[in-house]
C-alpha cells in the first residue's frame, strides 16, 4: 500500500525536533556574541536602586555583602558588576565588601576582573576593600555591625586592616551610609533586615534570585528595604549606568528566544488551519 504523501501542512506540523533545537541554539548564541540592543523597560525598583546610589553624598561609605554561591553567579554577578561601576563612577565613595558565603571572595575577584576596575582609577585599600568571608550569617552581620575590628583584623588576603586607609574611622554599621546585598539565600537577605536595618536603620538595597523576590517584597513594602531587585534585571541597571554587559546580552537572548517561541506558535496555527481548510490536501 502506497503511503499518502505529506502535504506542506503536515511538514509544518512535523518539523524535526533537531531543527527546532538547532534554531533555538542559534537564538541563544547569536545575541550573546553580537548583542542586538533591544529596548529594555526600566522597572520602578531598579530606578529606585539607581537613584539611591546616585543620591549618596561625597565621603559616604558603603557596605556590600557578596553573599552568593557559584550557582547564583550567572544571575547575580552582572547586577553586582554594574552597581560597582556606578559606585566607582562617583567621586569619593568608599566601598567595603564582605562575604557571608564562603565562595564570596573568589566570586568578588571574578566580578572585579569583569569590571576592569583599573579604568576607574580606584586603589585597593584606599577606595575599596574586601574584608573576607565571615562565618555565622546573622551572627556575622551582628558582629560586623557592632565592630569590624573586633570581628576580623585582616582583609580576605590576610593583610592587617590597620594598614589600609579606607578603614580609618570605619568600624560599625553607624559608619555606613548604605548596605547592599547580593545573595542566593534567605538567611542573608532577611538577616540584614534584622541585624542592620532594625538595629541601626541602615538603608538597605537587596538583590536576590528572581524566585526570592516575592519573599522579600513585604520587607520593602514595610519600608525596611529601599529596593528589592532580581539579578535577572541586570540589563536595566547596566543601561542606567551606561555600562552594558552580560545583563544586556541576557535580555537580548530572552527577547529573541521568546520571539522564536511566538513564531513557532504562529507556524503551528498556520499549519493547523491550512490543513483544516484544505481538507487535508496540499
Protein backbone atom coordinates (compact mmCIF):
# COMPACT_ATOMS: atom_id res chain seq x y z
CA UNK A 1 0.00 0.00 0.00
CA UNK A 2 1.46 3.34 -1.07
CA UNK A 3 1.91 5.82 1.76
CA UNK A 4 -0.01 9.03 1.40
CA UNK A 5 2.38 11.84 0.52
CA UNK A 6 2.81 14.52 3.20
CA UNK A 7 1.28 17.89 2.49
CA UNK A 8 3.02 21.19 3.24
CA UNK A 9 0.78 21.49 6.31
CA UNK A 10 1.96 18.06 7.54
CA UNK A 11 5.57 19.14 7.16
CA UNK A 12 4.97 22.36 9.08
CA UNK A 13 3.33 20.39 11.89
CA UNK A 14 6.12 17.84 11.99
CA UNK A 15 9.27 19.95 11.90
CA UNK A 16 12.06 17.69 13.25
CA UNK A 17 12.98 18.47 16.82
CA UNK A 18 16.66 18.56 15.81
CA UNK A 19 15.90 21.57 13.59
CA UNK A 20 13.91 23.28 16.35
CA UNK A 21 16.66 22.76 18.92
CA UNK A 22 19.25 23.94 16.44
CA UNK A 23 17.33 27.15 15.74
CA UNK A 24 16.83 27.70 19.47
CA UNK A 25 20.58 27.33 19.99
CA UNK A 26 21.19 29.94 17.31
CA UNK A 27 18.74 32.27 19.08
CA UNK A 28 20.83 31.93 22.25
CA UNK A 29 24.34 32.10 20.81
CA UNK A 30 23.98 34.93 18.29
CA UNK A 31 22.72 37.62 20.75
CA UNK A 32 25.48 36.66 23.21
CA UNK A 33 28.17 37.13 20.55
CA UNK A 34 26.55 40.06 18.77
CA UNK A 35 24.26 41.99 21.16
CA UNK A 36 21.27 43.45 19.38
CA UNK A 37 20.29 46.02 21.96
CA UNK A 38 16.54 45.58 22.15
CA UNK A 39 14.82 48.27 24.27
CA UNK A 40 14.64 47.27 27.93
CA UNK A 41 11.95 48.87 30.11
CA UNK A 42 13.28 50.14 33.44
CA UNK A 43 11.26 48.96 36.44
CA UNK A 44 10.46 51.22 39.37
CA UNK A 45 12.53 49.04 41.72
CA UNK A 46 15.67 49.23 39.57
CA UNK A 47 15.22 53.00 39.13
CA UNK A 48 14.90 53.35 42.92
CA UNK A 49 18.09 51.29 43.34
CA UNK A 50 19.95 53.52 40.89
CA UNK A 51 18.61 56.77 42.38
CA UNK A 52 19.56 55.70 45.93
CA UNK A 53 23.19 55.25 44.91
CA UNK A 54 23.20 58.46 42.88
CA UNK A 55 21.98 60.36 45.94
CA UNK A 56 24.93 59.26 48.11
CA UNK A 57 26.89 62.32 49.22
CA UNK A 58 30.65 62.53 48.75
CA UNK A 59 32.55 60.79 51.52
CA UNK A 60 29.92 58.07 52.01
CA UNK A 61 30.98 54.55 52.94
CA UNK A 62 29.01 51.61 51.51
CA UNK A 63 28.91 48.05 52.81
CA UNK A 64 28.45 45.30 50.20
CA UNK A 65 27.80 41.65 51.02
CA UNK A 66 28.81 39.15 48.34
CA UNK A 67 26.59 36.51 49.85
CA UNK A 68 26.00 34.20 46.90
CA UNK A 69 27.47 30.90 45.79
CA UNK A 70 28.76 29.82 42.40
CA UNK A 71 25.31 28.60 41.39
CA UNK A 72 23.95 32.14 41.65
CA UNK A 73 26.84 33.82 39.83
CA UNK A 74 25.30 33.88 36.33
CA UNK A 75 22.21 35.72 37.58
CA UNK A 76 23.59 37.97 40.34
CA UNK A 77 27.10 38.88 39.16
CA UNK A 78 26.05 41.12 36.22
CA UNK A 79 23.91 43.25 38.54
CA UNK A 80 26.75 43.45 41.07
CA UNK A 81 29.29 44.46 38.41
CA UNK A 82 27.01 47.23 37.10
CA UNK A 83 26.41 48.54 40.63
CA UNK A 84 30.13 48.65 41.38
CA UNK A 85 30.57 50.60 38.13
CA UNK A 86 28.01 53.13 39.34
CA UNK A 87 29.67 53.40 42.76
CA UNK A 88 33.15 53.82 41.30
CA UNK A 89 31.99 56.47 38.84
CA UNK A 90 31.01 58.67 41.77
CA UNK A 91 33.63 60.79 43.45
CA UNK A 92 34.90 59.97 46.93
CA UNK A 93 32.72 56.92 47.66
CA UNK A 94 34.37 54.17 49.69
CA UNK A 95 33.20 50.57 49.32
CA UNK A 96 33.81 47.91 51.98
CA UNK A 97 32.89 44.39 50.87
CA UNK A 98 32.47 41.27 52.98
CA UNK A 99 31.03 37.82 52.29
CA UNK A 100 28.54 35.77 54.25
CA UNK A 101 29.04 32.95 51.70
CA UNK A 102 32.31 31.01 51.66
CA UNK A 103 32.68 31.37 47.88
CA UNK A 104 32.16 35.13 48.10
CA UNK A 105 35.80 36.31 47.96
CA UNK A 106 36.55 34.26 44.84
CA UNK A 107 33.38 35.43 43.12
CA UNK A 108 34.17 39.01 44.11
CA UNK A 109 37.58 38.74 42.47
CA UNK A 110 35.89 37.41 39.34
CA UNK A 111 33.49 40.35 39.37
CA UNK A 112 36.34 42.84 39.77
CA UNK A 113 38.12 41.30 36.79
CA UNK A 114 34.95 41.59 34.71
CA UNK A 115 34.51 45.17 35.87
CA UNK A 116 38.10 46.08 34.91
CA UNK A 117 38.35 48.26 37.98
CA UNK A 118 41.63 49.88 36.85
CA UNK A 119 39.69 52.05 34.39
CA UNK A 120 38.08 53.90 37.31
CA UNK A 121 41.42 54.81 38.86
CA UNK A 122 40.44 53.32 42.20
CA UNK A 123 43.01 51.95 44.64
CA UNK A 124 42.56 48.84 46.76
CA UNK A 125 42.78 49.69 50.46
CA UNK A 126 42.05 53.34 49.82
CA UNK A 127 38.81 53.37 47.81
CA UNK A 128 37.64 49.78 48.19
CA UNK A 129 38.44 46.63 50.13
CA UNK A 130 37.19 43.11 50.82
CA UNK A 131 37.41 42.12 54.47
CA UNK A 132 36.84 38.44 53.71
CA UNK A 133 34.39 35.66 54.39
CA UNK A 134 32.93 35.96 57.86
CA UNK A 135 31.16 32.82 59.05
CA UNK A 136 27.97 32.76 61.06
CA UNK A 137 25.48 34.55 58.79
CA UNK A 138 23.33 36.61 61.20
CA UNK A 139 25.93 36.26 63.93
CA UNK A 140 28.47 37.70 61.50
CA UNK A 141 26.12 40.53 60.48
CA UNK A 142 25.53 41.46 64.10
CA UNK A 143 29.22 41.28 64.96
CA UNK A 144 30.32 43.40 62.00
CA UNK A 145 27.55 45.90 62.72
CA UNK A 146 28.83 46.27 66.26
CA UNK A 147 32.56 46.37 65.43
CA UNK A 148 34.50 45.28 62.35
CA UNK A 149 37.84 45.45 64.16
CA UNK A 150 36.55 43.17 66.91
CA UNK A 151 35.26 40.69 64.31
CA UNK A 152 38.20 40.46 61.91
CA UNK A 153 41.66 42.01 61.84
CA UNK A 154 42.63 41.21 58.25
CA UNK A 155 41.25 41.51 54.74
CA UNK A 156 40.49 38.49 52.54
CA UNK A 157 44.20 38.22 51.62
CA UNK A 158 45.33 38.13 55.25
CA UNK A 159 46.75 41.66 55.36
CA UNK A 160 46.02 43.60 58.58
CA UNK A 161 43.14 46.05 58.14
CA UNK A 162 45.10 48.64 60.07
CA UNK A 163 47.38 49.05 57.05
CA UNK A 164 44.55 50.32 54.85
CA UNK A 165 43.45 53.96 54.98
CA UNK A 166 39.89 53.08 53.96
CA UNK A 167 39.29 51.53 57.38
CA UNK A 168 40.23 54.64 59.32
CA UNK A 169 37.13 55.83 61.12
CA UNK A 170 35.08 52.91 59.77
CA UNK A 171 34.20 50.26 62.33
CA UNK A 172 30.44 49.83 62.86
CA UNK A 173 27.14 49.91 60.98
CA UNK A 174 26.68 53.52 62.07
CA UNK A 175 29.63 54.49 59.83
CA UNK A 176 27.91 53.21 56.65
CA UNK A 177 25.52 55.26 54.54
CA UNK A 178 24.19 52.23 52.65
CA UNK A 179 24.10 48.42 52.73
CA UNK A 180 23.93 46.39 49.50
CA UNK A 181 23.31 42.66 49.47
CA UNK A 182 23.65 40.04 46.70
CA UNK A 183 22.55 36.60 47.81
CA UNK A 184 21.05 33.26 46.89
CA UNK A 185 19.95 32.62 50.47
CA UNK A 186 17.01 33.84 52.53
CA UNK A 187 19.12 33.74 55.69
CA UNK A 188 21.27 36.56 54.32
CA UNK A 189 18.59 38.66 52.65
CA UNK A 190 16.31 38.62 55.69
CA UNK A 191 19.13 38.60 58.23
CA UNK A 192 20.41 42.02 57.18
CA UNK A 193 16.95 43.47 57.84
CA UNK A 194 17.01 42.22 61.41
CA UNK A 195 20.66 42.93 62.18
CA UNK A 196 21.30 46.25 60.39
CA UNK A 197 18.04 47.96 59.48
CA UNK A 198 16.21 47.13 62.71
CA UNK A 199 19.19 47.93 64.92
CA UNK A 200 20.83 50.83 63.02
CA UNK A 201 18.26 51.94 60.38
CA UNK A 202 20.89 51.49 57.67
CA UNK A 203 19.33 51.98 54.20
CA UNK A 204 19.32 48.58 52.52
CA UNK A 205 19.34 47.51 48.84
CA UNK A 206 18.70 43.80 48.24
CA UNK A 207 19.43 41.81 45.05
CA UNK A 208 18.28 38.19 45.04
CA UNK A 209 17.31 35.39 42.70
CA UNK A 210 14.09 36.06 40.80
CA UNK A 211 12.21 33.35 42.70
CA UNK A 212 13.13 35.03 46.01
CA UNK A 213 11.67 38.45 45.19
CA UNK A 214 8.11 37.67 46.42
CA UNK A 215 9.55 36.66 49.80
CA UNK A 216 11.44 39.94 50.16
CA UNK A 217 8.81 42.36 48.86
CA UNK A 218 6.91 42.55 52.20
CA UNK A 219 10.08 43.98 53.79
CA UNK A 220 10.27 46.57 51.03
CA UNK A 221 6.58 47.43 51.42
CA UNK A 222 7.16 47.87 55.15
CA UNK A 223 9.96 50.35 54.46
CA UNK A 224 12.71 48.10 55.80
CA UNK A 225 14.35 47.71 52.39
CA UNK A 226 14.71 50.59 49.95
CA UNK A 227 14.65 48.40 46.84
CA UNK A 228 14.33 44.69 46.08
CA UNK A 229 15.51 43.54 42.64
CA UNK A 230 16.39 40.27 40.97
CA UNK A 231 19.67 39.58 39.22
CA UNK A 232 17.65 38.92 36.05
CA UNK A 233 17.09 42.70 35.86
CA UNK A 234 20.81 43.37 35.37
CA UNK A 235 20.26 44.68 31.85
CA UNK A 236 18.19 47.53 33.30
CA UNK A 237 20.85 48.75 35.73
CA UNK A 238 23.52 48.36 33.05
CA UNK A 239 21.59 50.71 30.77
CA UNK A 240 21.09 53.25 33.55
CA UNK A 241 24.77 53.15 34.47
CA UNK A 242 25.74 53.16 30.77
CA UNK A 243 27.86 50.05 31.30
CA UNK A 244 26.34 47.34 29.06
CA UNK A 245 27.48 43.83 29.89
CA UNK A 246 26.14 40.35 30.46
CA UNK A 247 22.78 41.68 31.62
CA UNK A 248 22.01 43.41 28.32
CA UNK A 249 23.13 40.31 26.41
CA UNK A 250 20.88 38.12 28.54
CA UNK A 251 17.95 40.46 27.91
CA UNK A 252 18.58 40.11 24.17
CA UNK A 253 18.66 36.32 24.50
CA UNK A 254 15.37 36.31 26.40
CA UNK A 255 13.74 38.57 23.80
CA UNK A 256 14.98 36.57 20.80
CA UNK A 257 14.04 33.19 22.27
CA UNK A 258 10.58 34.47 23.18
CA UNK A 259 10.11 35.80 19.64
CA UNK A 260 11.20 32.40 18.34
CA UNK A 261 8.60 30.66 20.52
CA UNK A 262 5.92 33.06 19.29
CA UNK A 263 6.97 32.33 15.70
CA UNK A 264 6.58 28.60 16.34
CA UNK A 265 3.08 29.16 17.72
CA UNK A 266 2.19 31.15 14.60
CA UNK A 267 3.61 28.47 12.29
CA UNK A 268 1.74 25.76 14.18
CA UNK A 269 -1.56 27.63 13.84
CA UNK A 270 -0.98 28.29 10.16
CA UNK A 271 -0.36 24.58 9.62
CA UNK A 272 -3.44 23.61 11.61
CA UNK A 273 -5.86 25.96 9.87
CA UNK A 274 -4.23 25.40 6.47
CA UNK A 275 -4.73 21.67 6.84
CA UNK A 276 -8.28 22.15 8.12
CA UNK A 277 -9.47 24.41 5.30
CA UNK A 278 -7.71 22.43 2.57
CA UNK A 279 -9.45 19.27 3.65
CA UNK A 280 -6.11 17.65 4.32
CA UNK A 281 -4.97 18.19 0.73
CA UNK A 282 -1.95 20.14 -0.42
